[in-house]
C-alpha atoms as a PDB file:
ATOM      1  CA  MET A   1     109.291-142.751 164.560  1.00  0.00           C
ATOM      2  CA  THR A   2     108.082-141.384 161.230  1.00  0.00           C
ATOM      3  CA  ARG A   3     107.960-137.605 161.002  1.00  0.00           C
ATOM      4  CA  PHE A   4     104.866-135.917 159.654  1.00  0.00           C
ATOM      5  CA  ARG A   5     105.628-134.163 156.382  1.00  0.00           C
ATOM      6  CA  PRO A   6     102.874-131.792 155.206  1.00  0.00           C
ATOM      7  CA  GLY A   7     104.564-131.227 151.867  1.00  0.00           C
ATOM      8  CA  ARG A   8     104.659-134.925 151.062  1.00  0.00           C
ATOM      9  CA  LEU A   9     101.001-135.365 152.078  1.00  0.00           C
ATOM     10  CA  LEU A  10     100.002-132.402 149.899  1.00  0.00           C
ATOM     11  CA  LEU A  11     101.874-133.896 146.963  1.00  0.00           C
ATOM     12  CA  GLN A  12     100.144-137.261 147.403  1.00  0.00           C
ATOM     13  CA  LEU A  13      96.711-135.622 147.615  1.00  0.00           C
ATOM     14  CA  SER A  14      97.453-133.584 144.508  1.00  0.00           C
ATOM     15  CA  CYS A  15      98.447-136.715 142.584  1.00  0.00           C
ATOM     16  CA  LEU A  16      95.289-138.482 143.767  1.00  0.00           C
ATOM     17  CA  LEU A  17      93.051-135.598 142.669  1.00  0.00           C
ATOM     18  CA  ILE A  18      94.748-135.424 139.265  1.00  0.00           C
ATOM     19  CA  ALA A  19      94.334-139.183 138.822  1.00  0.00           C
ATOM     20  CA  ILE A  20      90.620-138.970 139.704  1.00  0.00           C
ATOM     21  CA  TRP A  21      90.169-136.040 137.319  1.00  0.00           C
ATOM     22  CA  LEU A  22      91.782-138.011 134.482  1.00  0.00           C
ATOM     23  CA  VAL A  23      89.869-141.231 135.122  1.00  0.00           C
ATOM     24  CA  ALA A  24      86.454-139.709 135.955  1.00  0.00           C
ATOM     25  CA  PRO A  25      85.256-139.328 132.326  1.00  0.00           C
ATOM     26  CA  THR A  26      86.032-142.994 131.714  1.00  0.00           C
ATOM     27  CA  LEU A  27      84.256-144.116 134.859  1.00  0.00           C
ATOM     28  CA  VAL A  28      81.104-142.251 133.794  1.00  0.00           C
ATOM     29  CA  VAL A  29      80.890-144.513 130.748  1.00  0.00           C
ATOM     30  CA  ILE A  30      80.506-147.660 132.880  1.00  0.00           C
ATOM     31  CA  PRO A  31      77.077-146.878 134.412  1.00  0.00           C
ATOM     32  CA  MET A  32      75.890-145.528 131.044  1.00  0.00           C
ATOM     33  CA  SER A  33      76.553-148.949 129.512  1.00  0.00           C
ATOM     34  CA  PHE A  34      73.880-150.511 131.760  1.00  0.00           C
ATOM     35  CA  ALA A  35      71.063-148.185 130.696  1.00  0.00           C
ATOM     36  CA  ASP A  36      67.806-149.808 129.607  1.00  0.00           C
ATOM     37  CA  ARG A  37      67.019-147.123 127.015  1.00  0.00           C
ATOM     38  CA  LYS A  38      68.632-146.418 123.662  1.00  0.00           C
ATOM     39  CA  SER A  39      70.213-143.136 124.673  1.00  0.00           C
ATOM     40  CA  LEU A  40      73.483-141.964 126.159  1.00  0.00           C
ATOM     41  CA  ALA A  41      72.372-140.291 129.371  1.00  0.00           C
ATOM     42  CA  PHE A  42      73.931-139.897 132.798  1.00  0.00           C
ATOM     43  CA  PRO A  43      72.752-140.965 135.270  1.00  0.00           C
ATOM     44  CA  PRO A  44      71.152-143.852 133.381  1.00  0.00           C
ATOM     45  CA  GLN A  45      67.518-144.844 133.833  1.00  0.00           C
ATOM     46  CA  GLY A  46      66.983-148.493 134.774  1.00  0.00           C
ATOM     47  CA  PHE A  47      69.402-151.376 134.491  1.00  0.00           C
ATOM     48  CA  SER A  48      70.068-153.702 131.553  1.00  0.00           C
ATOM     49  CA  THR A  49      72.910-155.709 130.045  1.00  0.00           C
ATOM     50  CA  GLN A  50      71.384-155.751 126.572  1.00  0.00           C
ATOM     51  CA  TRP A  51      74.091-153.504 125.121  1.00  0.00           C
ATOM     52  CA  TYR A  52      76.834-155.944 126.102  1.00  0.00           C
ATOM     53  CA  ALA A  53      74.839-158.749 124.516  1.00  0.00           C
ATOM     54  CA  ASN A  54      74.350-156.589 121.428  1.00  0.00           C
ATOM     55  CA  PHE A  55      78.094-156.052 121.121  1.00  0.00           C
ATOM     56  CA  PHE A  56      78.833-159.779 120.991  1.00  0.00           C
ATOM     57  CA  ALA A  57      75.753-160.691 118.924  1.00  0.00           C
ATOM     58  CA  ASN A  58      75.910-157.891 116.353  1.00  0.00           C
ATOM     59  CA  PRO A  59      78.196-158.911 113.431  1.00  0.00           C
ATOM     60  CA  GLN A  60      79.193-155.295 112.764  1.00  0.00           C
ATOM     61  CA  TRP A  61      80.370-154.651 116.312  1.00  0.00           C
ATOM     62  CA  PHE A  62      82.045-157.971 117.064  1.00  0.00           C
ATOM     63  CA  GLY A  63      83.408-158.262 113.526  1.00  0.00           C
ATOM     64  CA  SER A  64      85.080-154.855 113.818  1.00  0.00           C
ATOM     65  CA  LEU A  65      86.673-155.976 117.107  1.00  0.00           C
ATOM     66  CA  VAL A  66      88.123-159.074 115.425  1.00  0.00           C
ATOM     67  CA  VAL A  67      89.436-156.957 112.550  1.00  0.00           C
ATOM     68  CA  SER A  68      91.100-154.498 114.969  1.00  0.00           C
ATOM     69  CA  LEU A  69      92.720-157.304 116.960  1.00  0.00           C
ATOM     70  CA  LYS A  70      94.089-159.017 113.839  1.00  0.00           C
ATOM     71  CA  ILE A  71      95.460-155.786 112.382  1.00  0.00           C
ATOM     72  CA  ALA A  72      96.950-154.697 115.718  1.00  0.00           C
ATOM     73  CA  ALA A  73      98.660-158.078 116.154  1.00  0.00           C
ATOM     74  CA  MET A  74     100.224-157.933 112.687  1.00  0.00           C
ATOM     75  CA  VAL A  75     101.269-154.317 113.191  1.00  0.00           C
ATOM     76  CA  ALA A  76     102.854-155.158 116.557  1.00  0.00           C
ATOM     77  CA  VAL A  77     105.014-157.842 114.933  1.00  0.00           C
ATOM     78  CA  VAL A  78     106.036-155.832 111.858  1.00  0.00           C
ATOM     79  CA  ALA A  79     106.590-152.529 113.675  1.00  0.00           C
ATOM     80  CA  THR A  80     108.578-154.194 116.464  1.00  0.00           C
ATOM     81  CA  ILE A  81     110.953-155.895 114.029  1.00  0.00           C
ATOM     82  CA  ILE A  82     111.482-152.780 111.905  1.00  0.00           C
ATOM     83  CA  GLY A  83     111.640-150.409 114.878  1.00  0.00           C
ATOM     84  CA  THR A  84     114.107-152.593 116.785  1.00  0.00           C
ATOM     85  CA  MET A  85     116.454-152.874 113.816  1.00  0.00           C
ATOM     86  CA  ALA A  86     116.184-149.128 113.219  1.00  0.00           C
ATOM     87  CA  ALA A  87     116.911-148.305 116.880  1.00  0.00           C
ATOM     88  CA  ILE A  88     119.963-150.586 116.899  1.00  0.00           C
ATOM     89  CA  GLY A  89     121.220-149.091 113.639  1.00  0.00           C
ATOM     90  CA  ILE A  90     120.796-145.537 114.932  1.00  0.00           C
ATOM     91  CA  GLU A  91     122.629-146.417 118.157  1.00  0.00           C
ATOM     92  CA  ARG A  92     125.503-147.988 116.198  1.00  0.00           C
ATOM     93  CA  LEU A  93     125.921-144.993 113.868  1.00  0.00           C
ATOM     94  CA  LYS A  94     126.700-142.418 116.560  1.00  0.00           C
ATOM     95  CA  THR A  95     126.843-139.730 113.862  1.00  0.00           C
ATOM     96  CA  ARG A  96     124.745-136.837 112.623  1.00  0.00           C
ATOM     97  CA  ALA A  97     123.240-139.178 110.021  1.00  0.00           C
ATOM     98  CA  GLY A  98     121.863-141.327 112.842  1.00  0.00           C
ATOM     99  CA  GLY A  99     120.208-138.286 114.389  1.00  0.00           C
ATOM    100  CA  ILE A 100     118.653-137.320 111.058  1.00  0.00           C
ATOM    101  CA  ILE A 101     117.308-140.853 110.548  1.00  0.00           C
ATOM    102  CA  ARG A 102     115.874-140.814 114.057  1.00  0.00           C
ATOM    103  CA  VAL A 103     114.072-137.536 113.388  1.00  0.00           C
ATOM    104  CA  LEU A 104     112.647-138.924 110.140  1.00  0.00           C
ATOM    105  CA  LEU A 105     111.382-142.048 111.898  1.00  0.00           C
ATOM    106  CA  LEU A 106     109.713-139.939 114.582  1.00  0.00           C
ATOM    107  CA  THR A 107     107.995-137.687 112.024  1.00  0.00           C
ATOM    108  CA  PRO A 108     104.631-139.542 112.164  1.00  0.00           C
ATOM    109  CA  MET A 109     104.374-138.491 115.825  1.00  0.00           C
ATOM    110  CA  ILE A 110     104.876-134.822 114.926  1.00  0.00           C
ATOM    111  CA  VAL A 111     102.832-134.443 111.742  1.00  0.00           C
ATOM    112  CA  PRO A 112      99.094-133.820 112.407  1.00  0.00           C
ATOM    113  CA  GLY A 113      97.039-136.959 111.957  1.00  0.00           C
ATOM    114  CA  VAL A 114      94.724-135.426 109.357  1.00  0.00           C
ATOM    115  CA  VAL A 115      97.652-134.331 107.179  1.00  0.00           C
ATOM    116  CA  LEU A 116      99.190-137.781 107.382  1.00  0.00           C
ATOM    117  CA  ALA A 117      95.832-139.422 106.659  1.00  0.00           C
ATOM    118  CA  VAL A 118      95.287-137.303 103.533  1.00  0.00           C
ATOM    119  CA  GLY A 119      98.748-138.198 102.229  1.00  0.00           C
ATOM    120  CA  ILE A 120      98.251-141.918 102.871  1.00  0.00           C
ATOM    121  CA  TYR A 121      94.812-141.815 101.254  1.00  0.00           C
ATOM    122  CA  ALA A 122      96.207-140.117  98.134  1.00  0.00           C
ATOM    123  CA  VAL A 123      98.895-142.781  97.766  1.00  0.00           C
ATOM    124  CA  TYR A 124      96.446-145.609  98.450  1.00  0.00           C
ATOM    125  CA  LEU A 125      94.057-144.435  95.747  1.00  0.00           C
ATOM    126  CA  ASP A 126      96.751-144.957  93.101  1.00  0.00           C
ATOM    127  CA  THR A 127      97.926-148.270  94.533  1.00  0.00           C
ATOM    128  CA  ARG A 128      94.404-149.595  95.302  1.00  0.00           C
ATOM    129  CA  LEU A 129      95.201-150.235  98.945  1.00  0.00           C
ATOM    130  CA  VAL A 130      92.121-148.475 100.359  1.00  0.00           C
ATOM    131  CA  GLY A 131      90.035-150.874 102.420  1.00  0.00           C
ATOM    132  CA  THR A 132      92.583-153.718 102.312  1.00  0.00           C
ATOM    133  CA  TRP A 133      94.417-155.642 105.035  1.00  0.00           C
ATOM    134  CA  THR A 134      97.757-154.657 103.521  1.00  0.00           C
ATOM    135  CA  GLY A 135      96.792-151.005 103.502  1.00  0.00           C
ATOM    136  CA  TYR A 136      95.768-151.053 107.146  1.00  0.00           C
ATOM    137  CA  VAL A 137      98.915-152.863 108.276  1.00  0.00           C
ATOM    138  CA  LEU A 138     101.251-150.562 106.326  1.00  0.00           C
ATOM    139  CA  ALA A 139      99.532-147.365 107.512  1.00  0.00           C
ATOM    140  CA  HIS A 140      99.345-148.428 111.151  1.00  0.00           C
ATOM    141  CA  THR A 141     102.936-149.705 111.075  1.00  0.00           C
ATOM    142  CA  LEU A 142     104.041-146.260 109.911  1.00  0.00           C
ATOM    143  CA  LEU A 143     102.360-144.766 112.974  1.00  0.00           C
ATOM    144  CA  ALA A 144     103.642-147.415 115.399  1.00  0.00           C
ATOM    145  CA  ILE A 145     107.340-147.528 114.455  1.00  0.00           C
ATOM    146  CA  PRO A 146     108.240-144.285 116.332  1.00  0.00           C
ATOM    147  CA  PHE A 147     107.026-145.772 119.625  1.00  0.00           C
ATOM    148  CA  VAL A 148     109.151-148.874 119.123  1.00  0.00           C
ATOM    149  CA  VAL A 149     112.210-146.780 118.244  1.00  0.00           C
ATOM    150  CA  ILE A 150     111.788-144.707 121.407  1.00  0.00           C
ATOM    151  CA  ALA A 151     111.223-147.723 123.686  1.00  0.00           C
ATOM    152  CA  VAL A 152     114.125-149.776 122.320  1.00  0.00           C
ATOM    153  CA  GLY A 153     116.364-146.713 122.056  1.00  0.00           C
ATOM    154  CA  ALA A 154     115.861-146.001 125.760  1.00  0.00           C
ATOM    155  CA  ASN A 155     117.172-149.472 126.609  1.00  0.00           C
ATOM    156  CA  LEU A 156     120.084-149.171 124.216  1.00  0.00           C
ATOM    157  CA  ALA A 157     121.058-145.830 125.791  1.00  0.00           C
ATOM    158  CA  VAL A 158     121.917-147.626 129.050  1.00  0.00           C
ATOM    159  CA  PHE A 159     123.238-150.768 127.397  1.00  0.00           C
ATOM    160  CA  ASP A 160     126.848-151.614 128.228  1.00  0.00           C
ATOM    161  CA  ALA A 161     128.584-152.259 124.890  1.00  0.00           C
ATOM    162  CA  ARG A 162     131.536-153.858 126.719  1.00  0.00           C
ATOM    163  CA  LEU A 163     129.398-156.973 127.190  1.00  0.00           C
ATOM    164  CA  GLU A 164     129.320-157.468 123.416  1.00  0.00           C
ATOM    165  CA  THR A 165     133.073-156.944 123.262  1.00  0.00           C
ATOM    166  CA  ALA A 166     133.577-159.561 125.980  1.00  0.00           C
ATOM    167  CA  ALA A 167     131.371-162.056 124.103  1.00  0.00           C
ATOM    168  CA  ALA A 168     133.289-161.429 120.885  1.00  0.00           C
ATOM    169  CA  SER A 169     136.619-161.916 122.659  1.00  0.00           C
ATOM    170  CA  LEU A 170     135.408-165.349 123.742  1.00  0.00           C
ATOM    171  CA  GLY A 171     134.813-166.360 120.141  1.00  0.00           C
ATOM    172  CA  ALA A 172     131.114-165.574 119.712  1.00  0.00           C
ATOM    173  CA  SER A 173     130.001-164.384 116.287  1.00  0.00           C
ATOM    174  CA  ARG A 174     128.007-161.183 115.839  1.00  0.00           C
ATOM    175  CA  LEU A 175     124.789-163.142 115.410  1.00  0.00           C
ATOM    176  CA  THR A 176     125.460-165.254 118.510  1.00  0.00           C
ATOM    177  CA  THR A 177     126.391-162.150 120.501  1.00  0.00           C
ATOM    178  CA  PHE A 178     123.160-160.445 119.484  1.00  0.00           C
ATOM    179  CA  PHE A 179     120.876-163.339 120.444  1.00  0.00           C
ATOM    180  CA  THR A 180     122.693-164.313 123.657  1.00  0.00           C
ATOM    181  CA  VAL A 181     123.793-160.923 125.006  1.00  0.00           C
ATOM    182  CA  THR A 182     122.140-157.939 123.323  1.00  0.00           C
ATOM    183  CA  LEU A 183     118.621-159.273 122.784  1.00  0.00           C
ATOM    184  CA  PRO A 184     118.004-160.490 126.376  1.00  0.00           C
ATOM    185  CA  LEU A 185     119.165-157.144 127.797  1.00  0.00           C
ATOM    186  CA  ILE A 186     117.001-154.978 125.514  1.00  0.00           C
ATOM    187  CA  LEU A 187     114.026-157.354 125.623  1.00  0.00           C
ATOM    188  CA  PRO A 188     112.036-155.177 128.072  1.00  0.00           C
ATOM    189  CA  GLY A 189     112.258-152.277 125.606  1.00  0.00           C
ATOM    190  CA  ILE A 190     111.224-154.532 122.726  1.00  0.00           C
ATOM    191  CA  LEU A 191     108.204-155.823 124.653  1.00  0.00           C
ATOM    192  CA  SER A 192     107.240-152.270 125.621  1.00  0.00           C
ATOM    193  CA  GLY A 193     107.545-151.186 122.001  1.00  0.00           C
ATOM    194  CA  ALA A 194     105.400-154.117 120.866  1.00  0.00           C
ATOM    195  CA  LEU A 195     102.715-153.188 123.390  1.00  0.00           C
ATOM    196  CA  PHE A 196     102.761-149.545 122.304  1.00  0.00           C
ATOM    197  CA  ALA A 197     102.556-150.624 118.653  1.00  0.00           C
ATOM    198  CA  PHE A 198      99.559-152.866 119.388  1.00  0.00           C
ATOM    199  CA  VAL A 199      97.736-150.126 121.287  1.00  0.00           C
ATOM    200  CA  THR A 200      98.553-147.509 118.635  1.00  0.00           C
ATOM    201  CA  SER A 201      97.064-149.671 115.893  1.00  0.00           C
ATOM    202  CA  PHE A 202      94.047-150.757 117.937  1.00  0.00           C
ATOM    203  CA  ASP A 203      93.217-147.160 118.919  1.00  0.00           C
ATOM    204  CA  GLU A 204      93.887-145.481 115.552  1.00  0.00           C
ATOM    205  CA  VAL A 205      90.831-143.709 114.129  1.00  0.00           C
ATOM    206  CA  ILE A 206      91.885-140.739 111.948  1.00  0.00           C
ATOM    207  CA  VAL A 207      93.895-142.649 109.334  1.00  0.00           C
ATOM    208  CA  SER A 208      91.477-145.583 109.547  1.00  0.00           C
ATOM    209  CA  LEU A 209      88.552-143.323 108.646  1.00  0.00           C
ATOM    210  CA  PHE A 210      90.294-142.387 105.387  1.00  0.00           C
ATOM    211  CA  ILE A 211      91.237-145.908 104.302  1.00  0.00           C
ATOM    212  CA  THR A 212      88.228-147.863 105.613  1.00  0.00           C
ATOM    213  CA  SER A 213      85.659-149.721 103.529  1.00  0.00           C
ATOM    214  CA  PRO A 214      82.218-151.240 104.270  1.00  0.00           C
ATOM    215  CA  GLN A 215      83.758-154.717 104.109  1.00  0.00           C
ATOM    216  CA  LEU A 216      86.732-153.959 106.388  1.00  0.00           C
ATOM    217  CA  LYS A 217      86.066-151.686 109.333  1.00  0.00           C
ATOM    218  CA  THR A 218      88.005-151.389 112.586  1.00  0.00           C
ATOM    219  CA  LEU A 219      86.427-150.957 116.011  1.00  0.00           C
ATOM    220  CA  PRO A 220      87.350-147.233 116.412  1.00  0.00           C
ATOM    221  CA  VAL A 221      85.750-146.517 113.027  1.00  0.00           C
ATOM    222  CA  GLN A 222      82.649-148.460 114.061  1.00  0.00           C
ATOM    223  CA  ILE A 223      82.478-146.452 117.296  1.00  0.00           C
ATOM    224  CA  PHE A 224      82.827-143.184 115.393  1.00  0.00           C
ATOM    225  CA  SER A 225      80.114-144.207 112.926  1.00  0.00           C
ATOM    226  CA  SER A 226      77.762-145.186 115.746  1.00  0.00           C
ATOM    227  CA  MET A 227      78.313-141.900 117.581  1.00  0.00           C
ATOM    228  CA  THR A 228      77.613-139.811 114.493  1.00  0.00           C
ATOM    229  CA  ARG A 229      74.597-141.890 113.421  1.00  0.00           C
ATOM    230  CA  ASP A 230      72.462-142.952 116.388  1.00  0.00           C
ATOM    231  CA  ALA A 231      74.492-142.717 119.648  1.00  0.00           C
ATOM    232  CA  ASP A 232      73.923-146.384 120.419  1.00  0.00           C
ATOM    233  CA  PRO A 233      74.679-147.215 124.114  1.00  0.00           C
ATOM    234  CA  THR A 234      76.632-150.166 122.766  1.00  0.00           C
ATOM    235  CA  VAL A 235      79.448-147.609 122.494  1.00  0.00           C
ATOM    236  CA  ALA A 236      79.453-147.282 126.272  1.00  0.00           C
ATOM    237  CA  ALA A 237      79.550-151.074 126.637  1.00  0.00           C
ATOM    238  CA  VAL A 238      82.532-151.253 124.281  1.00  0.00           C
ATOM    239  CA  GLY A 239      84.293-148.491 126.188  1.00  0.00           C
ATOM    240  CA  SER A 240      83.703-150.298 129.484  1.00  0.00           C
ATOM    241  CA  LEU A 241      85.106-153.567 128.132  1.00  0.00           C
ATOM    242  CA  ILE A 242      88.186-151.819 126.731  1.00  0.00           C
ATOM    243  CA  PHE A 243      88.694-149.989 130.038  1.00  0.00           C
ATOM    244  CA  LEU A 244      88.470-153.279 131.945  1.00  0.00           C
ATOM    245  CA  ALA A 245      90.887-155.043 129.585  1.00  0.00           C
ATOM    246  CA  THR A 246      93.362-152.151 129.757  1.00  0.00           C
ATOM    247  CA  THR A 247      93.194-152.061 133.544  1.00  0.00           C
ATOM    248  CA  LEU A 248      93.860-155.799 133.773  1.00  0.00           C
ATOM    249  CA  ILE A 249      96.830-155.599 131.373  1.00  0.00           C
ATOM    250  CA  ILE A 250      98.397-152.658 133.208  1.00  0.00           C
ATOM    251  CA  GLY A 251      97.750-154.298 136.577  1.00  0.00           C
ATOM    252  CA  LEU A 252      99.351-157.571 135.511  1.00  0.00           C
ATOM    253  CA  GLY A 253     102.300-155.657 134.081  1.00  0.00           C
ATOM    254  CA  LEU A 254     102.829-153.769 137.345  1.00  0.00           C
ATOM    255  CA  ILE A 255     102.580-156.975 139.379  1.00  0.00           C
ATOM    256  CA  PHE A 256     105.056-158.728 137.084  1.00  0.00           C
ATOM    257  CA  GLY A 257     107.437-155.780 137.274  1.00  0.00           C
ATOM    258  CA  LEU A 258     107.297-155.627 141.073  1.00  0.00           C
ATOM    259  CA  ARG A 259     107.900-159.366 141.405  1.00  0.00           C
ATOM    260  CA  ARG A 260     110.813-159.155 139.002  1.00  0.00           C
ATOM    261  CA  ARG A 261     112.373-156.328 141.017  1.00  0.00           C
ATOM    262  CA  GLY A 262     111.803-158.220 144.230  1.00  0.00           C
ATOM    263  CA  ALA A 263     113.512-161.272 142.799  1.00  0.00           C
END
């Protein structure tokens, strides 16, 4: 017979209320996206799906989505490779130098975004990287690497180095040991880092505002421009689609994780 625990019930209710409080502002956006008037008002008047159609039909909106997805994909690949190598190198050093390097790599998370954006913009003006694919990828990679280092470093912290020693004692080279022993064991951290890098790039707005151009504009910059110019309800439609996609990705990840644990 299960005993009634008031403390546990209170904790669960508190967590539920906090979750609702955090998600409520996002949920308000969904009904606003179906308004039939060109205004951001809650509750909305009427019902229409024209703003979703406008998102896919308008070259500025849909084009900015494609640009964000391409940049985020490239950043995820580059940042994951660099961040993984950096995390492994830091773990192998085990010295004060490794700690200093780790702090330097995590600096973009500590420095205010505006300060970092101004510095990147100043460098890009001299190198003519403003409004270019290369400029976007380099800037977003700089911001994404710390997340990869943290995710991979967490896996390496619990990694049993004796497994590498055992593989080497059986005649495996360092490269073979890495791909057959180390990489499979830290793969969850690498995948988590890649996901964080993708999301960081896709969601970045401060640095992107400084290095954007009329020909190359990301979705967050397009959203910011729309909000400051005419408050187009298409913004609410975009937010609803992103919320739905994020929910599906997180849900699939949780399901996959639970099945893997059950197996």
